[in-house]
């Protein structure tokens, strides 16, 4: 079985220019975790990991802390999530098989102005 992890998020702001300061992409470091902030739409900033190989080692608590910290720094609403997909053989037929997602789990956290609005884990 193979495992794939991804961490992403969204920061909603009335105006994104002060955050990105004329740049396409901006980095924010929280300890050893470096996040990339980039324009998604006029009022949304996309959040991603700079080093995607760190995703498996980042805990739910760390994601919740990152979400809270970003929402506090920017005085805005932030949603962060981690998706964990497990791939394996599925639909074996006539000697062939498909390599597909067998199970998937999502942890999502949403904060506004440093306060947690919701955090949940669900199988998808």
PDB file of N, CA and C in Angstrom:
ATOM      1  N   UNK A   1       0.831  -1.177   0.000  1.00  0.00           N
ATOM      2  CA  UNK A   1       0.000   0.000   0.000  1.00  0.00           C
ATOM      3  C   UNK A   1       0.879   1.245   0.000  1.00  0.00           C
ATOM      4  N   UNK A   2       0.485   2.223  -0.759  1.00  0.00           N
ATOM      5  CA  UNK A   2       1.155   3.521  -0.785  1.00  0.00           C
ATOM      6  C   UNK A   2       0.283   4.537  -0.054  1.00  0.00           C
ATOM      7  N   UNK A   3       0.933   5.512   0.558  1.00  0.00           N
ATOM      8  CA  UNK A   3       0.225   6.568   1.276  1.00  0.00           C
ATOM      9  C   UNK A   3       0.599   7.908   0.669  1.00  0.00           C
ATOM     10  N   UNK A   4      -0.400   8.762   0.535  1.00  0.00           N
ATOM     11  CA  UNK A   4      -0.161  10.108   0.032  1.00  0.00           C
ATOM     12  C   UNK A   4      -0.789  11.101   1.003  1.00  0.00           C
ATOM     13  N   UNK A   5      -0.002  12.108   1.386  1.00  0.00           N
ATOM     14  CA  UNK A   5      -0.459  13.130   2.316  1.00  0.00           C
ATOM     15  C   UNK A   5      -0.365  14.487   1.633  1.00  0.00           C
ATOM     16  N   UNK A   6      -1.346  15.325   1.879  1.00  0.00           N
ATOM     17  CA  UNK A   6      -1.272  16.697   1.391  1.00  0.00           C
ATOM     18  C   UNK A   6      -1.860  17.623   2.444  1.00  0.00           C
ATOM     19  N   UNK A   7      -1.267  18.795   2.563  1.00  0.00           N
ATOM     20  CA  UNK A   7      -1.758  19.803   3.492  1.00  0.00           C
ATOM     21  C   UNK A   7      -1.981  21.068   2.683  1.00  0.00           C
ATOM     22  N   UNK A   8      -3.167  21.647   2.837  1.00  0.00           N
ATOM     23  CA  UNK A   8      -3.501  22.862   2.102  1.00  0.00           C
ATOM     24  C   UNK A   8      -4.436  23.715   2.951  1.00  0.00           C
ATOM     25  N   UNK A   9      -4.693  24.905   2.473  1.00  0.00           N
ATOM     26  CA  UNK A   9      -5.587  25.772   3.213  1.00  0.00           C
ATOM     27  C   UNK A   9      -5.985  26.985   2.412  1.00  0.00           C
ATOM     28  N   UNK A  10      -6.858  27.774   3.024  1.00  0.00           N
ATOM     29  CA  UNK A  10      -7.348  29.001   2.422  1.00  0.00           C
ATOM     30  C   UNK A  10      -7.414  30.074   3.490  1.00  0.00           C
ATOM     31  N   UNK A  11      -7.004  31.266   3.118  1.00  0.00           N
ATOM     32  CA  UNK A  11      -7.074  32.441   3.974  1.00  0.00           C
ATOM     33  C   UNK A  11      -7.991  33.426   3.267  1.00  0.00           C
ATOM     34  N   UNK A  12      -9.080  33.829   3.939  1.00  0.00           N
ATOM     35  CA  UNK A  12     -10.033  34.759   3.347  1.00  0.00           C
ATOM     36  C   UNK A  12      -9.793  36.148   3.909  1.00  0.00           C
ATOM     37  N   UNK A  13      -9.600  37.130   3.018  1.00  0.00           N
ATOM     38  CA  UNK A  13      -9.326  38.505   3.417  1.00  0.00           C
ATOM     39  C   UNK A  13     -10.145  39.483   2.584  1.00  0.00           C
ATOM     40  N   UNK A  14     -10.403  40.660   3.134  1.00  0.00           N
ATOM     41  CA  UNK A  14     -11.061  41.707   2.354  1.00  0.00           C
ATOM     42  C   UNK A  14     -10.113  42.189   1.261  1.00  0.00           C
ATOM     43  N   UNK A  15      -8.806  42.228   1.570  1.00  0.00           N
ATOM     44  CA  UNK A  15      -7.816  42.696   0.610  1.00  0.00           C
ATOM     45  C   UNK A  15      -6.543  41.867   0.766  1.00  0.00           C
ATOM     46  N   UNK A  16      -6.092  41.238  -0.318  1.00  0.00           N
ATOM     47  CA  UNK A  16      -4.922  40.352  -0.220  1.00  0.00           C
ATOM     48  C   UNK A  16      -3.598  41.063  -0.469  1.00  0.00           C
ATOM     49  N   UNK A  17      -3.622  42.227  -1.092  1.00  0.00           N
ATOM     50  CA  UNK A  17      -2.382  42.931  -1.437  1.00  0.00           C
ATOM     51  C   UNK A  17      -1.468  43.183  -0.236  1.00  0.00           C
ATOM     52  N   UNK A  18      -1.981  43.629   0.912  1.00  0.00           N
ATOM     53  CA  UNK A  18      -1.074  43.844   2.052  1.00  0.00           C
ATOM     54  C   UNK A  18      -0.344  42.567   2.505  1.00  0.00           C
ATOM     55  N   UNK A  19      -0.955  41.423   2.317  1.00  0.00           N
ATOM     56  CA  UNK A  19      -0.343  40.157   2.736  1.00  0.00           C
ATOM     57  C   UNK A  19       0.752  39.732   1.757  1.00  0.00           C
ATOM     58  N   UNK A  20       0.473  39.800   0.476  1.00  0.00           N
ATOM     59  CA  UNK A  20       1.435  39.345  -0.526  1.00  0.00           C
ATOM     60  C   UNK A  20       2.427  40.426  -0.930  1.00  0.00           C
ATOM     61  N   UNK A  21       2.131  41.678  -0.621  1.00  0.00           N
ATOM     62  CA  UNK A  21       3.038  42.798  -0.879  1.00  0.00           C
ATOM     63  C   UNK A  21       3.596  42.797  -2.307  1.00  0.00           C
ATOM     64  N   UNK A  22       2.701  42.617  -3.278  1.00  0.00           N
ATOM     65  CA  UNK A  22       3.108  42.677  -4.679  1.00  0.00           C
ATOM     66  C   UNK A  22       3.811  41.439  -5.203  1.00  0.00           C
ATOM     67  N   UNK A  23       3.948  40.420  -4.390  1.00  0.00           N
ATOM     68  CA  UNK A  23       4.612  39.192  -4.816  1.00  0.00           C
ATOM     69  C   UNK A  23       3.572  38.152  -5.226  1.00  0.00           C
ATOM     70  N   UNK A  24       3.979  37.236  -6.091  1.00  0.00           N
ATOM     71  CA  UNK A  24       3.093  36.128  -6.463  1.00  0.00           C
ATOM     72  C   UNK A  24       2.935  35.150  -5.317  1.00  0.00           C
ATOM     73  N   UNK A  25       4.018  34.982  -4.579  1.00  0.00           N
ATOM     74  CA  UNK A  25       4.073  33.963  -3.529  1.00  0.00           C
ATOM     75  C   UNK A  25       4.900  34.525  -2.377  1.00  0.00           C
ATOM     76  N   UNK A  26       4.483  34.176  -1.162  1.00  0.00           N
ATOM     77  CA  UNK A  26       5.211  34.625   0.018  1.00  0.00           C
ATOM     78  C   UNK A  26       5.337  33.474   0.997  1.00  0.00           C
ATOM     79  N   UNK A  27       6.479  33.387   1.670  1.00  0.00           N
ATOM     80  CA  UNK A  27       6.728  32.311   2.629  1.00  0.00           C
ATOM     81  C   UNK A  27       6.485  32.790   4.060  1.00  0.00           C
ATOM     82  N   UNK A  28       5.933  31.898   4.866  1.00  0.00           N
ATOM     83  CA  UNK A  28       5.791  32.114   6.308  1.00  0.00           C
ATOM     84  C   UNK A  28       6.302  30.875   7.006  1.00  0.00           C
ATOM     85  N   UNK A  29       7.219  31.050   7.944  1.00  0.00           N
ATOM     86  CA  UNK A  29       7.809  29.927   8.666  1.00  0.00           C
ATOM     87  C   UNK A  29       7.260  29.860  10.083  1.00  0.00           C
ATOM     88  N   UNK A  30       6.908  28.646  10.491  1.00  0.00           N
ATOM     89  CA  UNK A  30       6.476  28.336  11.847  1.00  0.00           C
ATOM     90  C   UNK A  30       7.345  27.179  12.305  1.00  0.00           C
ATOM     91  N   UNK A  31       8.436  27.478  12.974  1.00  0.00           N
ATOM     92  CA  UNK A  31       9.398  26.438  13.331  1.00  0.00           C
ATOM     93  C   UNK A  31       9.997  25.866  12.059  1.00  0.00           C
ATOM     94  N   UNK A  32       9.953  24.536  11.927  1.00  0.00           N
ATOM     95  CA  UNK A  32      10.511  23.905  10.728  1.00  0.00           C
ATOM     96  C   UNK A  32       9.496  23.777   9.592  1.00  0.00           C
ATOM     97  N   UNK A  33       8.275  24.274   9.809  1.00  0.00           N
ATOM     98  CA  UNK A  33       7.225  24.204   8.787  1.00  0.00           C
ATOM     99  C   UNK A  33       7.181  25.540   8.051  1.00  0.00           C
ATOM    100  N   UNK A  34       7.414  25.497   6.737  1.00  0.00           N
ATOM    101  CA  UNK A  34       7.361  26.704   5.923  1.00  0.00           C
ATOM    102  C   UNK A  34       6.142  26.606   5.008  1.00  0.00           C
ATOM    103  N   UNK A  35       5.277  27.605   5.111  1.00  0.00           N
ATOM    104  CA  UNK A  35       4.072  27.657   4.296  1.00  0.00           C
ATOM    105  C   UNK A  35       4.262  28.655   3.163  1.00  0.00           C
ATOM    106  N   UNK A  36       3.661  28.340   2.022  1.00  0.00           N
ATOM    107  CA  UNK A  36       3.650  29.251   0.878  1.00  0.00           C
ATOM    108  C   UNK A  36       2.250  29.843   0.773  1.00  0.00           C
ATOM    109  N   UNK A  37       2.170  31.152   0.686  1.00  0.00           N
ATOM    110  CA  UNK A  37       0.901  31.843   0.487  1.00  0.00           C
ATOM    111  C   UNK A  37       0.906  32.398  -0.931  1.00  0.00           C
ATOM    112  N   UNK A  38      -0.154  32.137  -1.683  1.00  0.00           N
ATOM    113  CA  UNK A  38      -0.236  32.622  -3.062  1.00  0.00           C
ATOM    114  C   UNK A  38      -1.677  32.985  -3.388  1.00  0.00           C
ATOM    115  N   UNK A  39      -1.855  33.848  -4.386  1.00  0.00           N
ATOM    116  CA  UNK A  39      -3.187  34.324  -4.765  1.00  0.00           C
ATOM    117  C   UNK A  39      -4.032  33.183  -5.309  1.00  0.00           C
ATOM    118  N   UNK A  40      -5.258  33.073  -4.805  1.00  0.00           N
ATOM    119  CA  UNK A  40      -6.223  32.120  -5.349  1.00  0.00           C
ATOM    120  C   UNK A  40      -7.297  32.902  -6.116  1.00  0.00           C
ATOM    121  N   UNK A  41      -7.936  33.880  -5.455  1.00  0.00           N
ATOM    122  CA  UNK A  41      -8.910  34.779  -6.087  1.00  0.00           C
ATOM    123  C   UNK A  41      -8.700  36.162  -5.483  1.00  0.00           C
ATOM    124  N   UNK A  42      -9.600  37.089  -5.780  1.00  0.00           N
ATOM    125  CA  UNK A  42      -9.468  38.450  -5.263  1.00  0.00           C
ATOM    126  C   UNK A  42      -9.457  38.533  -3.744  1.00  0.00           C
ATOM    127  N   UNK A  43     -10.159  37.631  -3.074  1.00  0.00           N
ATOM    128  CA  UNK A  43     -10.255  37.685  -1.621  1.00  0.00           C
ATOM    129  C   UNK A  43      -9.730  36.427  -0.943  1.00  0.00           C
ATOM    130  N   UNK A  44      -9.080  35.560  -1.685  1.00  0.00           N
ATOM    131  CA  UNK A  44      -8.587  34.304  -1.118  1.00  0.00           C
ATOM    132  C   UNK A  44      -7.101  34.126  -1.392  1.00  0.00           C
ATOM    133  N   UNK A  45      -6.430  33.629  -0.376  1.00  0.00           N
ATOM    134  CA  UNK A  45      -5.025  33.256  -0.516  1.00  0.00           C
ATOM    135  C   UNK A  45      -4.921  31.765  -0.288  1.00  0.00           C
ATOM    136  N   UNK A  46      -4.246  31.087  -1.188  1.00  0.00           N
ATOM    137  CA  UNK A  46      -4.031  29.642  -1.101  1.00  0.00           C
ATOM    138  C   UNK A  46      -2.826  29.384  -0.200  1.00  0.00           C
ATOM    139  N   UNK A  47      -2.951  28.398   0.674  1.00  0.00           N
ATOM    140  CA  UNK A  47      -1.878  28.022   1.597  1.00  0.00           C
ATOM    141  C   UNK A  47      -1.412  26.615   1.234  1.00  0.00           C
ATOM    142  N   UNK A  48      -0.088  26.431   1.110  1.00  0.00           N
ATOM    143  CA  UNK A  48       0.462  25.104   0.831  1.00  0.00           C
ATOM    144  C   UNK A  48       1.792  24.953   1.553  1.00  0.00           C
ATOM    145  N   UNK A  49       2.261  23.725   1.643  1.00  0.00           N
ATOM    146  CA  UNK A  49       3.564  23.458   2.248  1.00  0.00           C
ATOM    147  C   UNK A  49       4.667  23.706   1.222  1.00  0.00           C
ATOM    148  N   UNK A  50       5.748  24.328   1.649  1.00  0.00           N
ATOM    149  CA  UNK A  50       6.888  24.494   0.751  1.00  0.00           C
ATOM    150  C   UNK A  50       7.556  23.145   0.524  1.00  0.00           C
ATOM    151  N   UNK A  51       7.764  22.390   1.612  1.00  0.00           N
ATOM    152  CA  UNK A  51       8.382  21.064   1.531  1.00  0.00           C
ATOM    153  C   UNK A  51       7.297  20.011   1.762  1.00  0.00           C
ATOM    154  N   UNK A  52       6.731  19.508   0.683  1.00  0.00           N
ATOM    155  CA  UNK A  52       5.614  18.558   0.775  1.00  0.00           C
ATOM    156  C   UNK A  52       5.991  17.253   1.458  1.00  0.00           C
ATOM    157  N   UNK A  53       7.285  16.949   1.535  1.00  0.00           N
ATOM    158  CA  UNK A  53       7.718  15.709   2.194  1.00  0.00           C
ATOM    159  C   UNK A  53       7.489  15.762   3.708  1.00  0.00           C
ATOM    160  N   UNK A  54       7.238  16.935   4.267  1.00  0.00           N
ATOM    161  CA  UNK A  54       6.958  17.062   5.702  1.00  0.00           C
ATOM    162  C   UNK A  54       5.531  16.670   6.071  1.00  0.00           C
ATOM    163  N   UNK A  55       4.639  16.632   5.092  1.00  0.00           N
ATOM    164  CA  UNK A  55       3.214  16.403   5.354  1.00  0.00           C
ATOM    165  C   UNK A  55       2.916  15.191   6.243  1.00  0.00           C
ATOM    166  N   UNK A  56       3.559  14.029   6.042  1.00  0.00           N
ATOM    167  CA  UNK A  56       3.232  12.881   6.900  1.00  0.00           C
ATOM    168  C   UNK A  56       3.603  13.094   8.370  1.00  0.00           C
ATOM    169  N   UNK A  57       4.564  13.962   8.638  1.00  0.00           N
ATOM    170  CA  UNK A  57       5.032  14.134  10.020  1.00  0.00           C
ATOM    171  C   UNK A  57       4.325  15.267  10.767  1.00  0.00           C
ATOM    172  N   UNK A  58       3.456  16.003  10.106  1.00  0.00           N
ATOM    173  CA  UNK A  58       2.748  17.107  10.756  1.00  0.00           C
ATOM    174  C   UNK A  58       1.460  16.574  11.375  1.00  0.00           C
ATOM    175  N   UNK A  59       1.309  16.795  12.677  1.00  0.00           N
ATOM    176  CA  UNK A  59       0.161  16.250  13.428  1.00  0.00           C
ATOM    177  C   UNK A  59      -1.081  17.128  13.273  1.00  0.00           C
ATOM    178  N   UNK A  60      -2.219  16.566  13.685  1.00  0.00           N
ATOM    179  CA  UNK A  60      -3.471  17.317  13.696  1.00  0.00           C
ATOM    180  C   UNK A  60      -3.338  18.549  14.584  1.00  0.00           C
ATOM    181  N   UNK A  61      -2.688  18.392  15.732  1.00  0.00           N
ATOM    182  CA  UNK A  61      -2.508  19.523  16.648  1.00  0.00           C
ATOM    183  C   UNK A  61      -1.694  20.634  15.998  1.00  0.00           C
ATOM    184  N   UNK A  62      -0.661  20.270  15.259  1.00  0.00           N
ATOM    185  CA  UNK A  62       0.151  21.275  14.573  1.00  0.00           C
ATOM    186  C   UNK A  62      -0.654  21.995  13.492  1.00  0.00           C
ATOM    187  N   UNK A  63      -1.497  21.272  12.787  1.00  0.00           N
ATOM    188  CA  UNK A  63      -2.345  21.894  11.766  1.00  0.00           C
ATOM    189  C   UNK A  63      -3.305  22.875  12.429  1.00  0.00           C
ATOM    190  N   UNK A  64      -3.900  22.476  13.549  1.00  0.00           N
ATOM    191  CA  UNK A  64      -4.807  23.362  14.282  1.00  0.00           C
ATOM    192  C   UNK A  64      -4.062  24.602  14.784  1.00  0.00           C
ATOM    193  N   UNK A  65      -2.833  24.434  15.264  1.00  0.00           N
ATOM    194  CA  UNK A  65      -2.028  25.568  15.727  1.00  0.00           C
ATOM    195  C   UNK A  65      -1.676  26.505  14.572  1.00  0.00           C
ATOM    196  N   UNK A  66      -1.283  25.938  13.428  1.00  0.00           N
ATOM    197  CA  UNK A  66      -0.984  26.751  12.250  1.00  0.00           C
ATOM    198  C   UNK A  66      -2.205  27.560  11.829  1.00  0.00           C
ATOM    199  N   UNK A  67      -3.343  26.918  11.809  1.00  0.00           N
ATOM    200  CA  UNK A  67      -4.594  27.563  11.415  1.00  0.00           C
ATOM    201  C   UNK A  67      -4.895  28.726  12.358  1.00  0.00           C
ATOM    202  N   UNK A  68      -4.812  28.467  13.645  1.00  0.00           N
ATOM    203  CA  UNK A  68      -5.085  29.494  14.647  1.00  0.00           C
ATOM    204  C   UNK A  68      -4.094  30.655  14.533  1.00  0.00           C
ATOM    205  N   UNK A  69      -2.827  30.335  14.373  1.00  0.00           N
ATOM    206  CA  UNK A  69      -1.787  31.364  14.296  1.00  0.00           C
ATOM    207  C   UNK A  69      -1.957  32.245  13.053  1.00  0.00           C
ATOM    208  N   UNK A  70      -2.211  31.630  11.903  1.00  0.00           N
ATOM    209  CA  UNK A  70      -2.424  32.414  10.683  1.00  0.00           C
ATOM    210  C   UNK A  70      -3.648  33.316  10.811  1.00  0.00           C
ATOM    211  N   UNK A  71      -4.722  32.789  11.387  1.00  0.00           N
ATOM    212  CA  UNK A  71      -5.934  33.598  11.530  1.00  0.00           C
ATOM    213  C   UNK A  71      -5.702  34.759  12.494  1.00  0.00           C
ATOM    214  N   UNK A  72      -4.863  34.542  13.503  1.00  0.00           N
ATOM    215  CA  UNK A  72      -4.530  35.607  14.449  1.00  0.00           C
ATOM    216  C   UNK A  72      -3.645  36.668  13.788  1.00  0.00           C
ATOM    217  N   UNK A  73      -2.616  36.238  13.066  1.00  0.00           N
ATOM    218  CA  UNK A  73      -1.692  37.163  12.402  1.00  0.00           C
ATOM    219  C   UNK A  73      -2.431  38.086  11.432  1.00  0.00           C
ATOM    220  N   UNK A  74      -3.341  37.507  10.631  1.00  0.00           N
ATOM    221  CA  UNK A  74      -3.997  38.280   9.589  1.00  0.00           C
ATOM    222  C   UNK A  74      -5.390  38.778   9.981  1.00  0.00           C
ATOM    223  N   UNK A  75      -5.854  38.440  11.185  1.00  0.00           N
ATOM    224  CA  UNK A  75      -7.172  38.883  11.633  1.00  0.00           C
ATOM    225  C   UNK A  75      -8.265  38.461  10.679  1.00  0.00           C
ATOM    226  N   UNK A  76      -8.214  37.196  10.273  1.00  0.00           N
ATOM    227  CA  UNK A  76      -9.132  36.711   9.239  1.00  0.00           C
ATOM    228  C   UNK A  76      -9.527  35.257   9.512  1.00  0.00           C
ATOM    229  N   UNK A  77     -10.368  34.742   8.629  1.00  0.00           N
ATOM    230  CA  UNK A  77     -10.789  33.341   8.709  1.00  0.00           C
ATOM    231  C   UNK A  77      -9.823  32.493   7.892  1.00  0.00           C
ATOM    232  N   UNK A  78      -9.420  31.354   8.457  1.00  0.00           N
ATOM    233  CA  UNK A  78      -8.482  30.438   7.808  1.00  0.00           C
ATOM    234  C   UNK A  78      -9.020  29.021   7.937  1.00  0.00           C
ATOM    235  N   UNK A  79      -8.879  28.256   6.876  1.00  0.00           N
ATOM    236  CA  UNK A  79      -9.208  26.826   6.908  1.00  0.00           C
ATOM    237  C   UNK A  79      -7.959  26.072   6.459  1.00  0.00           C
ATOM    238  N   UNK A  80      -7.553  25.096   7.281  1.00  0.00           N
ATOM    239  CA  UNK A  80      -6.413  24.238   6.949  1.00  0.00           C
ATOM    240  C   UNK A  80      -6.911  22.798   6.955  1.00  0.00           C
ATOM    241  N   UNK A  81      -6.371  21.994   6.056  1.00  0.00           N
ATOM    242  CA  UNK A  81      -6.754  20.583   6.059  1.00  0.00           C
ATOM    243  C   UNK A  81      -5.611  19.695   5.592  1.00  0.00           C
ATOM    244  N   UNK A  82      -5.659  18.460   6.101  1.00  0.00           N
ATOM    245  CA  UNK A  82      -4.708  17.444   5.653  1.00  0.00           C
ATOM    246  C   UNK A  82      -5.531  16.290   5.092  1.00  0.00           C
ATOM    247  N   UNK A  83      -5.127  15.835   3.931  1.00  0.00           N
ATOM    248  CA  UNK A  83      -5.763  14.689   3.298  1.00  0.00           C
ATOM    249  C   UNK A  83      -4.764  13.544   3.294  1.00  0.00           C
ATOM    250  N   UNK A  84      -5.198  12.388   3.766  1.00  0.00           N
ATOM    251  CA  UNK A  84      -4.369  11.180   3.775  1.00  0.00           C
ATOM    252  C   UNK A  84      -5.092  10.138   2.933  1.00  0.00           C
ATOM    253  N   UNK A  85      -4.471   9.763   1.825  1.00  0.00           N
ATOM    254  CA  UNK A  85      -5.046   8.747   0.948  1.00  0.00           C
ATOM    255  C   UNK A  85      -4.156   7.517   0.953  1.00  0.00           C
ATOM    256  N   UNK A  86      -4.787   6.355   1.045  1.00  0.00           N
ATOM    257  CA  UNK A  86      -4.068   5.086   0.997  1.00  0.00           C
ATOM    258  C   UNK A  86      -4.437   4.400  -0.317  1.00  0.00           C
ATOM    259  N   UNK A  87      -3.417   4.102  -1.104  1.00  0.00           N
ATOM    260  CA  UNK A  87      -3.634   3.472  -2.406  1.00  0.00           C
ATOM    261  C   UNK A  87      -3.322   1.987  -2.333  1.00  0.00           C
ATOM    262  N   UNK A  88      -4.066   1.212  -3.093  1.00  0.00           N
ATOM    263  CA  UNK A  88      -3.828  -0.218  -3.162  1.00  0.00           C
ATOM    264  C   UNK A  88      -4.551  -0.812  -4.349  1.00  0.00           C
ATOM    265  N   UNK A  89      -4.428  -2.133  -4.484  1.00  0.00           N
ATOM    266  CA  UNK A  89      -5.093  -2.830  -5.582  1.00  0.00           C
ATOM    267  C   UNK A  89      -6.581  -2.921  -5.287  1.00  0.00           C
ATOM    268  N   UNK A  90      -7.351  -2.629  -6.280  1.00  0.00           N
ATOM    269  CA  UNK A  90      -8.794  -2.628  -6.141  1.00  0.00           C
ATOM    270  C   UNK A  90      -9.381  -3.130  -7.462  1.00  0.00           C
ATOM    271  N   UNK A  91     -10.537  -3.694  -7.418  1.00  0.00           N
ATOM    272  CA  UNK A  91     -11.242  -4.129  -8.629  1.00  0.00           C
ATOM    273  C   UNK A  91     -10.426  -5.120  -9.454  1.00  0.00           C
ATOM    274  N   UNK A  92      -9.977  -6.195  -8.838  1.00  0.00           N
ATOM    275  CA  UNK A  92      -9.222  -7.206  -9.566  1.00  0.00           C
ATOM    276  C   UNK A  92     -10.202  -7.986 -10.452  1.00  0.00           C
ATOM    277  N   UNK A  93      -9.878  -8.076 -11.748  1.00  0.00           N
ATOM    278  CA  UNK A  93     -10.756  -8.783 -12.677  1.00  0.00           C
ATOM    279  C   UNK A  93      -9.938  -9.341 -13.840  1.00  0.00           C
ATOM    280  N   UNK A  94     -10.271 -10.517 -14.269  1.00  0.00           N
ATOM    281  CA  UNK A  94      -9.645 -11.163 -15.418  1.00  0.00           C
ATOM    282  C   UNK A  94      -8.122 -11.027 -15.440  1.00  0.00           C
ATOM    283  N   UNK A  95      -7.502 -11.189 -14.306  1.00  0.00           N
ATOM    284  CA  UNK A  95      -6.045 -11.147 -14.251  1.00  0.00           C
ATOM    285  C   UNK A  95      -5.463  -9.746 -14.198  1.00  0.00           C
ATOM    286  N   UNK A  96      -6.278  -8.702 -14.335  1.00  0.00           N
ATOM    287  CA  UNK A  96      -5.800  -7.318 -14.263  1.00  0.00           C
ATOM    288  C   UNK A  96      -6.270  -6.671 -12.978  1.00  0.00           C
ATOM    289  N   UNK A  97      -5.793  -5.496 -12.720  1.00  0.00           N
ATOM    290  CA  UNK A  97      -6.229  -4.784 -11.516  1.00  0.00           C
ATOM    291  C   UNK A  97      -6.066  -3.287 -11.706  1.00  0.00           C
ATOM    292  N   UNK A  98      -6.739  -2.549 -10.863  1.00  0.00           N
ATOM    293  CA  UNK A  98      -6.615  -1.097 -10.835  1.00  0.00           C
ATOM    294  C   UNK A  98      -5.957  -0.703  -9.526  1.00  0.00           C
ATOM    295  N   UNK A  99      -5.076   0.254  -9.588  1.00  0.00           N
ATOM    296  CA  UNK A  99      -4.416   0.783  -8.405  1.00  0.00           C
ATOM    297  C   UNK A  99      -5.126   2.079  -8.052  1.00  0.00           C
ATOM    298  N   UNK A 100      -5.937   2.060  -6.984  1.00  0.00           N
ATOM    299  CA  UNK A 100      -6.790   3.187  -6.663  1.00  0.00           C
ATOM    300  C   UNK A 100      -6.755   3.498  -5.176  1.00  0.00           C
ATOM    301  N   UNK A 101      -7.423   4.590  -4.817  1.00  0.00           N
ATOM    302  CA  UNK A 101      -7.563   4.961  -3.414  1.00  0.00           C
ATOM    303  C   UNK A 101      -8.435   3.910  -2.726  1.00  0.00           C
ATOM    304  N   UNK A 102      -7.893   3.305  -1.671  1.00  0.00           N
ATOM    305  CA  UNK A 102      -8.628   2.305  -0.904  1.00  0.00           C
ATOM    306  C   UNK A 102      -9.354   2.989   0.251  1.00  0.00           C
ATOM    307  N   UNK A 103      -8.653   3.859   0.970  1.00  0.00           N
ATOM    308  CA  UNK A 103      -9.262   4.644   2.045  1.00  0.00           C
ATOM    309  C   UNK A 103      -8.712   6.064   1.986  1.00  0.00           C
ATOM    310  N   UNK A 104      -9.507   6.978   2.477  1.00  0.00           N
ATOM    311  CA  UNK A 104      -9.068   8.372   2.546  1.00  0.00           C
ATOM    312  C   UNK A 104      -9.632   8.984   3.820  1.00  0.00           C
ATOM    313  N   UNK A 105      -8.841   9.859   4.421  1.00  0.00           N
ATOM    314  CA  UNK A 105      -9.244  10.511   5.661  1.00  0.00           C
ATOM    315  C   UNK A 105      -8.830  11.979   5.586  1.00  0.00           C
ATOM    316  N   UNK A 106      -9.704  12.852   6.071  1.00  0.00           N
ATOM    317  CA  UNK A 106      -9.427  14.284   6.042  1.00  0.00           C
ATOM    318  C   UNK A 106      -9.549  14.846   7.455  1.00  0.00           C
ATOM    319  N   UNK A 107      -8.554  15.664   7.821  1.00  0.00           N
ATOM    320  CA  UNK A 107      -8.630  16.446   9.052  1.00  0.00           C
ATOM    321  C   UNK A 107      -8.731  17.894   8.617  1.00  0.00           C
ATOM    322  N   UNK A 108      -9.750  18.596   9.092  1.00  0.00           N
ATOM    323  CA  UNK A 108      -9.944  19.994   8.720  1.00  0.00           C
ATOM    324  C   UNK A 108     -10.142  20.840   9.962  1.00  0.00           C
ATOM    325  N   UNK A 109      -9.574  22.036   9.927  1.00  0.00           N
ATOM    326  CA  UNK A 109      -9.693  22.960  11.042  1.00  0.00           C
ATOM    327  C   UNK A 109      -9.967  24.348  10.476  1.00  0.00           C
ATOM    328  N   UNK A 110     -10.869  25.064  11.113  1.00  0.00           N
ATOM    329  CA  UNK A 110     -11.182  26.421  10.694  1.00  0.00           C
ATOM    330  C   UNK A 110     -11.116  27.335  11.907  1.00  0.00           C
ATOM    331  N   UNK A 111     -10.439  28.466  11.726  1.00  0.00           N
ATOM    332  CA  UNK A 111     -10.263  29.436  12.807  1.00  0.00           C
ATOM    333  C   UNK A 111     -10.547  30.836  12.277  1.00  0.00           C
ATOM    334  N   UNK A 112     -10.950  31.698  13.194  1.00  0.00           N
ATOM    335  CA  UNK A 112     -11.145  33.106  12.842  1.00  0.00           C
ATOM    336  C   UNK A 112     -10.578  33.959  13.955  1.00  0.00           C
ATOM    337  N   UNK A 113      -9.700  34.884  13.583  1.00  0.00           N
ATOM    338  CA  UNK A 113      -9.054  35.784  14.546  1.00  0.00           C
ATOM    339  C   UNK A 113      -8.425  35.033  15.713  1.00  0.00           C
ATOM    340  N   UNK A 114      -7.814  33.895  15.440  1.00  0.00           N
ATOM    341  CA  UNK A 114      -7.125  33.124  16.468  1.00  0.00           C
ATOM    342  C   UNK A 114      -7.998  32.168  17.249  1.00  0.00           C
ATOM    343  N   UNK A 115      -9.300  32.187  17.027  1.00  0.00           N
ATOM    344  CA  UNK A 115     -10.224  31.294  17.738  1.00  0.00           C
ATOM    345  C   UNK A 115     -10.654  30.138  16.839  1.00  0.00           C
ATOM    346  N   UNK A 116     -10.656  28.956  17.413  1.00  0.00           N
ATOM    347  CA  UNK A 116     -11.080  27.764  16.668  1.00  0.00           C
ATOM    348  C   UNK A 116     -12.587  27.782  16.491  1.00  0.00           C
ATOM    349  N   UNK A 117     -13.026  27.651  15.249  1.00  0.00           N
ATOM    350  CA  UNK A 117     -14.452  27.555  14.940  1.00  0.00           C
ATOM    351  C   UNK A 117     -14.854  26.088  14.893  1.00  0.00           C
ATOM    352  N   UNK A 118     -14.033  25.288  14.200  1.00  0.00           N
ATOM    353  CA  UNK A 118     -14.315  23.856  14.123  1.00  0.00           C
ATOM    354  C   UNK A 118     -13.060  23.090  13.739  1.00  0.00           C
ATOM    355  N   UNK A 119     -12.971  21.880  14.228  1.00  0.00           N
ATOM    356  CA  UNK A 119     -11.935  20.934  13.829  1.00  0.00           C
ATOM    357  C   UNK A 119     -12.590  19.570  13.782  1.00  0.00           C
ATOM    358  N   UNK A 120     -12.350  18.840  12.721  1.00  0.00           N
ATOM    359  CA  UNK A 120     -12.957  17.518  12.625  1.00  0.00           C
ATOM    360  C   UNK A 120     -12.119  16.601  11.744  1.00  0.00           C
ATOM    361  N   UNK A 121     -12.301  15.319  11.957  1.00  0.00           N
ATOM    362  CA  UNK A 121     -11.663  14.283  11.157  1.00  0.00           C
ATOM    363  C   UNK A 121     -12.783  13.432  10.580  1.00  0.00           C
ATOM    364  N   UNK A 122     -12.654  13.108   9.307  1.00  0.00           N
ATOM    365  CA  UNK A 122     -13.683  12.265   8.682  1.00  0.00           C
ATOM    366  C   UNK A 122     -13.079  11.360   7.627  1.00  0.00           C
ATOM    367  N   UNK A 123     -13.668  10.189   7.494  1.00  0.00           N
ATOM    368  CA  UNK A 123     -13.317   9.279   6.412  1.00  0.00           C
ATOM    369  C   UNK A 123     -14.108   9.717   5.195  1.00  0.00           C
ATOM    370  N   UNK A 124     -13.442   9.705   4.044  1.00  0.00           N
ATOM    371  CA  UNK A 124     -14.141  10.111   2.821  1.00  0.00           C
ATOM    372  C   UNK A 124     -13.997   9.050   1.755  1.00  0.00           C
TER     373      UNK A 124
END
